Amino acid sequence: MKSTPLYSDSIRGLYESKRNRLKRITSLLFACAGCLWFFLYLPESVLPFQGHEAFKLKQYQIYVVLLTLWGLDFRREFKRIEFIARTSHTLNKDITQVDSIDIKDSMHLFEVYTFLPGAKGYHVAVIINWIFCLLGIGLLLSQINLLLKSVL
C-alpha cells in the first residue's frame, strides 16, 4: 500500500529539504550528547566526583535544549498540517491540491531556518531554530571542554 504525500509538490519544495536538514542536525546533536554519557564510566582518578556531577548537570541542559528544539519543530509541523487542512476545506480542494499560491499569506509557517521570499508575518521560528541549534552545539562543546579539562 503506497502512501500519498500530504502536501503538493510546490508546498513541499518550500520547506521539506530544509526541515529534513534540521531533523538531521537535531538527530546528530542527540547522538553526540548520547555518546558523551559513556564518559561517566571513567574512573574517579580520571574524572573526580565533582566532575561527574557537573557533567550530569550539563548533559541534562543539553537534552532540555534539544528536546525543546525537537518539540517546537513538531508543533510547527502540526500547525502547517492544520493550516493546509483548513485551507483545503475553505477552498473546497483536496488537501493534496492546495498549492503554494493558495497559502501565500501564511508562508511564514513554512520557514525553517531561512526566510522565505514574500513571507509576511512573524519570523520567530527561524530565529528560535538558529538559537536552539547554536545553543545545543555550544553546550556540547562546553561539555567536551569540561571533559578535556578534567582528563588533562
N, C-alpha and C. Protein backbone atom coordinates (compact mmCIF):
# COMPACT_ATOMS: atom_id res chain seq x y z
N MET A 1 0.85 -1.17 0.00
CA MET A 1 0.00 0.00 0.00
C MET A 1 0.89 1.23 0.00
N LYS A 2 0.77 2.03 -1.02
CA LYS A 2 1.61 3.21 -1.16
C LYS A 2 0.90 4.41 -0.54
N SER A 3 1.64 5.16 0.27
CA SER A 3 1.04 6.34 0.89
C SER A 3 1.15 7.53 -0.07
N THR A 4 0.17 8.39 -0.01
CA THR A 4 0.20 9.58 -0.84
C THR A 4 0.76 10.73 -0.02
N PRO A 5 1.51 11.61 -0.66
CA PRO A 5 2.05 12.75 0.09
C PRO A 5 0.93 13.70 0.51
N LEU A 6 1.09 14.28 1.68
CA LEU A 6 0.08 15.17 2.21
C LEU A 6 0.10 16.52 1.51
N TYR A 7 1.28 16.96 1.13
CA TYR A 7 1.42 18.28 0.52
C TYR A 7 1.62 18.17 -0.98
N SER A 8 1.27 19.25 -1.67
CA SER A 8 1.57 19.31 -3.10
C SER A 8 3.07 19.54 -3.26
N ASP A 9 3.54 19.33 -4.48
CA ASP A 9 4.98 19.48 -4.73
C ASP A 9 5.46 20.90 -4.47
N SER A 10 4.63 21.89 -4.80
CA SER A 10 5.07 23.28 -4.61
C SER A 10 5.20 23.62 -3.13
N ILE A 11 4.37 23.05 -2.28
CA ILE A 11 4.47 23.31 -0.84
C ILE A 11 5.64 22.53 -0.27
N ARG A 12 5.81 21.29 -0.68
CA ARG A 12 6.95 20.51 -0.18
C ARG A 12 8.26 21.16 -0.58
N GLY A 13 8.30 21.76 -1.76
CA GLY A 13 9.52 22.44 -2.21
C GLY A 13 9.87 23.64 -1.36
N LEU A 14 8.90 24.22 -0.69
CA LEU A 14 9.15 25.39 0.14
C LEU A 14 10.02 25.06 1.35
N TYR A 15 9.80 23.90 1.96
CA TYR A 15 10.44 23.69 3.25
C TYR A 15 10.90 22.27 3.53
N GLU A 16 10.51 21.29 2.75
CA GLU A 16 10.77 19.89 3.12
C GLU A 16 12.26 19.58 3.24
N SER A 17 13.08 20.03 2.29
CA SER A 17 14.51 19.72 2.36
C SER A 17 15.15 20.43 3.56
N LYS A 18 14.70 21.65 3.85
CA LYS A 18 15.25 22.37 5.00
C LYS A 18 14.84 21.71 6.30
N ARG A 19 13.61 21.25 6.37
CA ARG A 19 13.15 20.58 7.59
C ARG A 19 13.89 19.25 7.77
N ASN A 20 14.13 18.54 6.68
CA ASN A 20 14.89 17.29 6.78
C ASN A 20 16.31 17.55 7.29
N ARG A 21 16.93 18.66 6.84
CA ARG A 21 18.25 19.02 7.34
C ARG A 21 18.21 19.34 8.82
N LEU A 22 17.18 20.08 9.24
CA LEU A 22 17.05 20.40 10.66
C LEU A 22 16.86 19.13 11.49
N LYS A 23 16.09 18.18 10.97
CA LYS A 23 15.91 16.91 11.68
C LYS A 23 17.23 16.14 11.76
N ARG A 24 18.03 16.17 10.70
CA ARG A 24 19.33 15.50 10.73
C ARG A 24 20.28 16.16 11.72
N ILE A 25 20.27 17.49 11.74
CA ILE A 25 21.12 18.21 12.69
C ILE A 25 20.71 17.88 14.12
N THR A 26 19.40 17.89 14.38
CA THR A 26 18.90 17.57 15.72
C THR A 26 19.27 16.13 16.09
N SER A 27 19.12 15.21 15.17
CA SER A 27 19.47 13.81 15.45
C SER A 27 20.96 13.66 15.72
N LEU A 28 21.77 14.36 14.96
CA LEU A 28 23.22 14.30 15.16
C LEU A 28 23.60 14.87 16.53
N LEU A 29 22.96 15.96 16.93
CA LEU A 29 23.24 16.53 18.25
C LEU A 29 22.80 15.58 19.37
N PHE A 30 21.65 14.94 19.18
CA PHE A 30 21.20 13.94 20.16
C PHE A 30 22.19 12.78 20.23
N ALA A 31 22.69 12.34 19.09
CA ALA A 31 23.64 11.22 19.07
C ALA A 31 24.94 11.60 19.78
N CYS A 32 25.42 12.81 19.53
CA CYS A 32 26.65 13.26 20.20
C CYS A 32 26.44 13.35 21.70
N ALA A 33 25.30 13.91 22.10
CA ALA A 33 25.00 14.01 23.54
C ALA A 33 24.88 12.63 24.16
N GLY A 34 24.31 11.69 23.45
CA GLY A 34 24.18 10.33 23.96
C GLY A 34 25.52 9.63 24.11
N CYS A 35 26.41 9.86 23.16
CA CYS A 35 27.74 9.23 23.24
C CYS A 35 28.56 9.79 24.40
N LEU A 36 28.28 11.02 24.78
CA LEU A 36 29.04 11.61 25.89
C LEU A 36 28.74 10.94 27.22
N TRP A 37 27.59 10.28 27.33
CA TRP A 37 27.26 9.60 28.59
C TRP A 37 28.27 8.52 28.94
N PHE A 38 28.96 7.97 27.95
CA PHE A 38 29.94 6.91 28.22
C PHE A 38 31.10 7.42 29.08
N PHE A 39 31.33 8.73 29.07
CA PHE A 39 32.43 9.27 29.87
C PHE A 39 32.14 9.23 31.36
N LEU A 40 30.90 8.95 31.75
CA LEU A 40 30.60 8.79 33.17
C LEU A 40 31.25 7.53 33.74
N TYR A 41 31.62 6.62 32.86
CA TYR A 41 32.25 5.38 33.30
C TYR A 41 33.74 5.52 33.53
N LEU A 42 34.27 6.71 33.32
CA LEU A 42 35.69 6.93 33.60
C LEU A 42 35.92 6.77 35.10
N PRO A 43 37.05 6.21 35.48
CA PRO A 43 37.32 6.05 36.92
C PRO A 43 37.46 7.41 37.60
N GLU A 44 37.26 7.40 38.93
CA GLU A 44 37.30 8.64 39.69
C GLU A 44 38.69 9.27 39.68
N SER A 45 39.70 8.49 39.40
CA SER A 45 41.05 9.06 39.32
C SER A 45 41.21 9.95 38.09
N VAL A 46 40.41 9.68 37.06
CA VAL A 46 40.47 10.48 35.84
C VAL A 46 39.46 11.63 35.89
N LEU A 47 38.23 11.32 36.28
CA LEU A 47 37.17 12.32 36.36
C LEU A 47 36.65 12.34 37.79
N PRO A 48 37.04 13.34 38.60
CA PRO A 48 36.63 13.37 40.01
C PRO A 48 35.12 13.47 40.17
N PHE A 49 34.65 13.21 41.40
CA PHE A 49 33.22 13.20 41.69
C PHE A 49 32.56 14.53 41.32
N GLN A 50 33.20 15.65 41.62
CA GLN A 50 32.64 16.95 41.27
C GLN A 50 32.51 17.08 39.74
N GLY A 51 33.45 16.50 39.04
CA GLY A 51 33.39 16.50 37.58
C GLY A 51 32.20 15.70 37.07
N HIS A 52 31.92 14.58 37.74
CA HIS A 52 30.76 13.76 37.38
C HIS A 52 29.47 14.55 37.54
N GLU A 53 29.36 15.25 38.67
CA GLU A 53 28.13 16.00 38.94
C GLU A 53 27.95 17.15 37.94
N ALA A 54 29.02 17.87 37.67
CA ALA A 54 28.95 18.96 36.69
C ALA A 54 28.62 18.41 35.30
N PHE A 55 29.21 17.27 34.99
CA PHE A 55 28.97 16.63 33.70
C PHE A 55 27.49 16.26 33.55
N LYS A 56 26.92 15.64 34.57
CA LYS A 56 25.50 15.25 34.51
C LYS A 56 24.59 16.46 34.36
N LEU A 57 24.89 17.50 35.10
CA LEU A 57 24.07 18.71 35.02
C LEU A 57 24.09 19.30 33.62
N LYS A 58 25.26 19.36 33.01
CA LYS A 58 25.37 19.89 31.64
C LYS A 58 24.66 18.97 30.65
N GLN A 59 24.75 17.66 30.87
CA GLN A 59 24.06 16.73 29.97
C GLN A 59 22.55 16.99 29.99
N TYR A 60 22.00 17.20 31.17
CA TYR A 60 20.56 17.47 31.26
C TYR A 60 20.21 18.78 30.58
N GLN A 61 21.08 19.77 30.68
CA GLN A 61 20.84 21.03 29.99
C GLN A 61 20.82 20.84 28.47
N ILE A 62 21.75 20.02 27.98
CA ILE A 62 21.79 19.74 26.54
C ILE A 62 20.48 19.10 26.10
N TYR A 63 20.00 18.13 26.87
CA TYR A 63 18.77 17.44 26.50
C TYR A 63 17.55 18.37 26.57
N VAL A 64 17.53 19.28 27.52
CA VAL A 64 16.42 20.25 27.59
C VAL A 64 16.39 21.09 26.32
N VAL A 65 17.55 21.57 25.89
CA VAL A 65 17.62 22.40 24.69
C VAL A 65 17.21 21.60 23.46
N LEU A 66 17.75 20.40 23.31
CA LEU A 66 17.47 19.60 22.11
C LEU A 66 16.03 19.12 22.08
N LEU A 67 15.48 18.74 23.22
CA LEU A 67 14.07 18.33 23.25
C LEU A 67 13.14 19.51 22.97
N THR A 68 13.52 20.69 23.40
CA THR A 68 12.74 21.88 23.09
C THR A 68 12.77 22.16 21.59
N LEU A 69 13.94 22.05 20.98
CA LEU A 69 14.06 22.24 19.54
C LEU A 69 13.21 21.22 18.79
N TRP A 70 13.30 19.98 19.19
CA TRP A 70 12.50 18.93 18.54
C TRP A 70 11.01 19.17 18.74
N GLY A 71 10.60 19.51 19.94
CA GLY A 71 9.19 19.74 20.23
C GLY A 71 8.62 20.93 19.48
N LEU A 72 9.40 22.00 19.38
CA LEU A 72 8.92 23.16 18.63
C LEU A 72 8.78 22.85 17.14
N ASP A 73 9.71 22.07 16.60
CA ASP A 73 9.60 21.67 15.20
C ASP A 73 8.35 20.80 14.98
N PHE A 74 8.10 19.90 15.91
CA PHE A 74 6.90 19.05 15.82
C PHE A 74 5.63 19.91 15.88
N ARG A 75 5.61 20.88 16.78
CA ARG A 75 4.45 21.77 16.92
C ARG A 75 4.22 22.58 15.64
N ARG A 76 5.31 23.08 15.05
CA ARG A 76 5.17 23.84 13.81
C ARG A 76 4.65 22.96 12.68
N GLU A 77 5.10 21.72 12.63
CA GLU A 77 4.60 20.80 11.59
C GLU A 77 3.11 20.55 11.78
N PHE A 78 2.68 20.41 13.01
CA PHE A 78 1.26 20.23 13.29
C PHE A 78 0.48 21.46 12.84
N LYS A 79 1.02 22.65 13.09
CA LYS A 79 0.35 23.88 12.65
C LYS A 79 0.27 23.95 11.13
N ARG A 80 1.32 23.50 10.45
CA ARG A 80 1.30 23.50 8.98
C ARG A 80 0.20 22.59 8.46
N ILE A 81 0.13 21.39 9.01
CA ILE A 81 -0.88 20.43 8.57
C ILE A 81 -2.28 20.98 8.85
N GLU A 82 -2.46 21.53 10.02
CA GLU A 82 -3.76 22.09 10.39
C GLU A 82 -4.13 23.24 9.46
N PHE A 83 -3.17 24.11 9.13
CA PHE A 83 -3.43 25.23 8.24
C PHE A 83 -3.81 24.75 6.84
N ILE A 84 -3.09 23.77 6.33
CA ILE A 84 -3.39 23.27 4.99
C ILE A 84 -4.74 22.57 4.97
N ALA A 85 -5.09 21.87 6.04
CA ALA A 85 -6.41 21.22 6.11
C ALA A 85 -7.52 22.27 6.12
N ARG A 86 -7.33 23.34 6.89
CA ARG A 86 -8.33 24.42 6.90
C ARG A 86 -8.44 25.09 5.54
N THR A 87 -7.28 25.33 4.90
CA THR A 87 -7.27 25.97 3.59
C THR A 87 -7.95 25.09 2.56
N SER A 88 -7.70 23.80 2.60
CA SER A 88 -8.34 22.90 1.63
C SER A 88 -9.84 22.86 1.85
N HIS A 89 -10.26 22.92 3.09
CA HIS A 89 -11.70 22.94 3.39
C HIS A 89 -12.33 24.25 2.90
N THR A 90 -11.63 25.37 3.14
CA THR A 90 -12.14 26.68 2.72
C THR A 90 -12.24 26.77 1.20
N LEU A 91 -11.25 26.26 0.50
CA LEU A 91 -11.21 26.35 -0.96
C LEU A 91 -11.94 25.19 -1.65
N ASN A 92 -12.46 24.26 -0.86
CA ASN A 92 -13.12 23.06 -1.40
C ASN A 92 -12.21 22.30 -2.36
N LYS A 93 -10.97 22.13 -1.94
CA LYS A 93 -9.99 21.37 -2.72
C LYS A 93 -9.56 20.17 -1.91
N ASP A 94 -9.05 19.17 -2.60
CA ASP A 94 -8.40 18.06 -1.92
C ASP A 94 -7.13 18.60 -1.25
N ILE A 95 -6.75 18.01 -0.14
CA ILE A 95 -5.60 18.53 0.61
C ILE A 95 -4.31 18.48 -0.20
N THR A 96 -4.20 17.54 -1.11
CA THR A 96 -3.00 17.45 -1.95
C THR A 96 -3.03 18.44 -3.10
N GLN A 97 -4.16 19.08 -3.31
CA GLN A 97 -4.29 20.05 -4.40
C GLN A 97 -4.02 21.49 -3.96
N VAL A 98 -3.89 21.71 -2.65
CA VAL A 98 -3.58 23.05 -2.15
C VAL A 98 -2.17 23.38 -2.59
N ASP A 99 -2.02 24.52 -3.24
CA ASP A 99 -0.75 24.91 -3.84
C ASP A 99 -0.11 26.04 -3.04
N SER A 100 1.14 26.34 -3.33
CA SER A 100 1.83 27.42 -2.63
C SER A 100 1.19 28.77 -2.91
N ILE A 101 0.51 28.90 -4.02
CA ILE A 101 -0.20 30.15 -4.33
C ILE A 101 -1.37 30.34 -3.38
N ASP A 102 -2.00 29.25 -2.97
CA ASP A 102 -3.13 29.32 -2.05
C ASP A 102 -2.73 29.72 -0.64
N ILE A 103 -1.47 29.54 -0.30
CA ILE A 103 -1.02 29.81 1.08
C ILE A 103 -0.09 31.01 1.16
N LYS A 104 -0.09 31.85 0.14
CA LYS A 104 0.89 32.94 0.08
C LYS A 104 0.82 33.89 1.26
N ASP A 105 -0.32 34.04 1.91
CA ASP A 105 -0.43 34.94 3.06
C ASP A 105 0.13 34.33 4.34
N SER A 106 0.37 33.05 4.35
CA SER A 106 0.89 32.37 5.55
C SER A 106 2.17 31.60 5.25
N MET A 107 2.99 32.16 4.40
CA MET A 107 4.25 31.49 4.04
C MET A 107 5.20 31.38 5.23
N HIS A 108 5.04 32.27 6.23
CA HIS A 108 5.93 32.23 7.39
C HIS A 108 5.80 30.92 8.16
N LEU A 109 4.69 30.22 8.00
CA LEU A 109 4.53 28.93 8.67
C LEU A 109 5.49 27.88 8.12
N PHE A 110 6.00 28.10 6.92
CA PHE A 110 6.83 27.11 6.25
C PHE A 110 8.32 27.47 6.28
N GLU A 111 8.67 28.45 7.08
CA GLU A 111 10.08 28.81 7.24
C GLU A 111 10.71 27.89 8.27
N VAL A 112 11.92 27.43 7.98
CA VAL A 112 12.60 26.53 8.90
C VAL A 112 13.83 27.23 9.48
N TYR A 113 14.82 27.52 8.65
CA TYR A 113 15.98 28.24 9.15
C TYR A 113 16.44 29.34 8.21
N THR A 114 15.66 29.60 7.17
CA THR A 114 15.88 30.77 6.32
C THR A 114 14.53 31.44 6.07
N PHE A 115 14.59 32.73 5.79
CA PHE A 115 13.36 33.45 5.48
C PHE A 115 12.92 33.11 4.07
N LEU A 116 11.62 32.92 3.88
CA LEU A 116 11.09 32.67 2.54
C LEU A 116 10.78 34.00 1.88
N PRO A 117 11.14 34.15 0.60
CA PRO A 117 10.83 35.40 -0.07
C PRO A 117 9.32 35.62 -0.15
N GLY A 118 8.90 36.81 0.18
CA GLY A 118 7.48 37.14 0.12
C GLY A 118 6.69 36.74 1.35
N ALA A 119 7.35 36.17 2.34
CA ALA A 119 6.64 35.75 3.54
C ALA A 119 6.35 36.97 4.41
N LYS A 120 5.11 37.06 4.84
CA LYS A 120 4.71 38.14 5.73
C LYS A 120 4.37 37.53 7.07
N GLY A 121 4.59 38.26 8.11
CA GLY A 121 4.23 37.75 9.43
C GLY A 121 5.45 37.61 10.31
N TYR A 122 5.30 36.79 11.30
CA TYR A 122 6.36 36.61 12.28
C TYR A 122 7.38 35.61 11.78
N HIS A 123 8.62 35.94 12.00
CA HIS A 123 9.71 35.05 11.60
C HIS A 123 10.40 34.48 12.83
N VAL A 124 9.65 34.31 13.89
CA VAL A 124 10.19 33.84 15.15
C VAL A 124 10.74 32.42 15.02
N ALA A 125 10.10 31.59 14.22
CA ALA A 125 10.53 30.19 14.08
C ALA A 125 11.96 30.10 13.58
N VAL A 126 12.33 30.93 12.64
CA VAL A 126 13.69 30.91 12.11
C VAL A 126 14.69 31.28 13.20
N ILE A 127 14.37 32.33 13.93
CA ILE A 127 15.27 32.79 14.99
C ILE A 127 15.39 31.74 16.09
N ILE A 128 14.28 31.14 16.48
CA ILE A 128 14.30 30.12 17.53
C ILE A 128 15.10 28.90 17.08
N ASN A 129 14.92 28.47 15.84
CA ASN A 129 15.69 27.31 15.35
C ASN A 129 17.18 27.58 15.40
N TRP A 130 17.59 28.76 14.95
CA TRP A 130 19.02 29.10 14.98
C TRP A 130 19.54 29.18 16.41
N ILE A 131 18.77 29.82 17.29
CA ILE A 131 19.22 29.96 18.68
C ILE A 131 19.39 28.59 19.34
N PHE A 132 18.40 27.73 19.18
CA PHE A 132 18.48 26.42 19.84
C PHE A 132 19.53 25.51 19.21
N CYS A 133 19.72 25.59 17.91
CA CYS A 133 20.79 24.79 17.28
C CYS A 133 22.15 25.26 17.78
N LEU A 134 22.37 26.57 17.77
CA LEU A 134 23.66 27.09 18.23
C LEU A 134 23.86 26.85 19.73
N LEU A 135 22.79 26.97 20.50
CA LEU A 135 22.89 26.70 21.93
C LEU A 135 23.22 25.23 22.19
N GLY A 136 22.61 24.32 21.43
CA GLY A 136 22.92 22.89 21.57
C GLY A 136 24.36 22.59 21.21
N ILE A 137 24.85 23.18 20.13
CA ILE A 137 26.25 22.98 19.73
C ILE A 137 27.18 23.57 20.78
N GLY A 138 26.84 24.76 21.26
CA GLY A 138 27.67 25.40 22.29
C GLY A 138 27.73 24.59 23.57
N LEU A 139 26.60 24.04 23.99
CA LEU A 139 26.59 23.21 25.20
C LEU A 139 27.38 21.92 25.01
N LEU A 140 27.28 21.33 23.82
CA LEU A 140 28.08 20.12 23.55
C LEU A 140 29.57 20.44 23.59
N LEU A 141 29.96 21.55 22.98
CA LEU A 141 31.38 21.93 23.00
C LEU A 141 31.83 22.25 24.42
N SER A 142 30.96 22.87 25.19
CA SER A 142 31.28 23.15 26.59
C SER A 142 31.46 21.85 27.37
N GLN A 143 30.64 20.88 27.08
CA GLN A 143 30.73 19.58 27.74
C GLN A 143 32.04 18.88 27.38
N ILE A 144 32.40 18.94 26.13
CA ILE A 144 33.67 18.33 25.69
C ILE A 144 34.84 19.05 26.35
N ASN A 145 34.75 20.38 26.43
CA ASN A 145 35.79 21.17 27.09
C ASN A 145 35.91 20.77 28.57
N LEU A 146 34.78 20.57 29.24
CA LEU A 146 34.80 20.14 30.64
C LEU A 146 35.49 18.79 30.79
N LEU A 147 35.19 17.87 29.86
CA LEU A 147 35.83 16.55 29.91
C LEU A 147 37.34 16.66 29.68
N LEU A 148 37.73 17.47 28.71
CA LEU A 148 39.16 17.61 28.42
C LEU A 148 39.91 18.24 29.59
N LYS A 149 39.30 19.22 30.25
CA LYS A 149 39.94 19.84 31.41
C LYS A 149 40.08 18.84 32.55
N SER A 150 39.06 17.99 32.72
CA SER A 150 39.11 17.01 33.80
C SER A 150 40.14 15.92 33.54
N VAL A 151 40.24 15.51 32.30
CA VAL A 151 41.15 14.41 31.95
C VAL A 151 42.59 14.87 31.89
N LEU A 152 42.80 16.05 31.34
CA LEU A 152 44.19 16.54 31.17
C LEU A 152 44.70 17.24 32.34
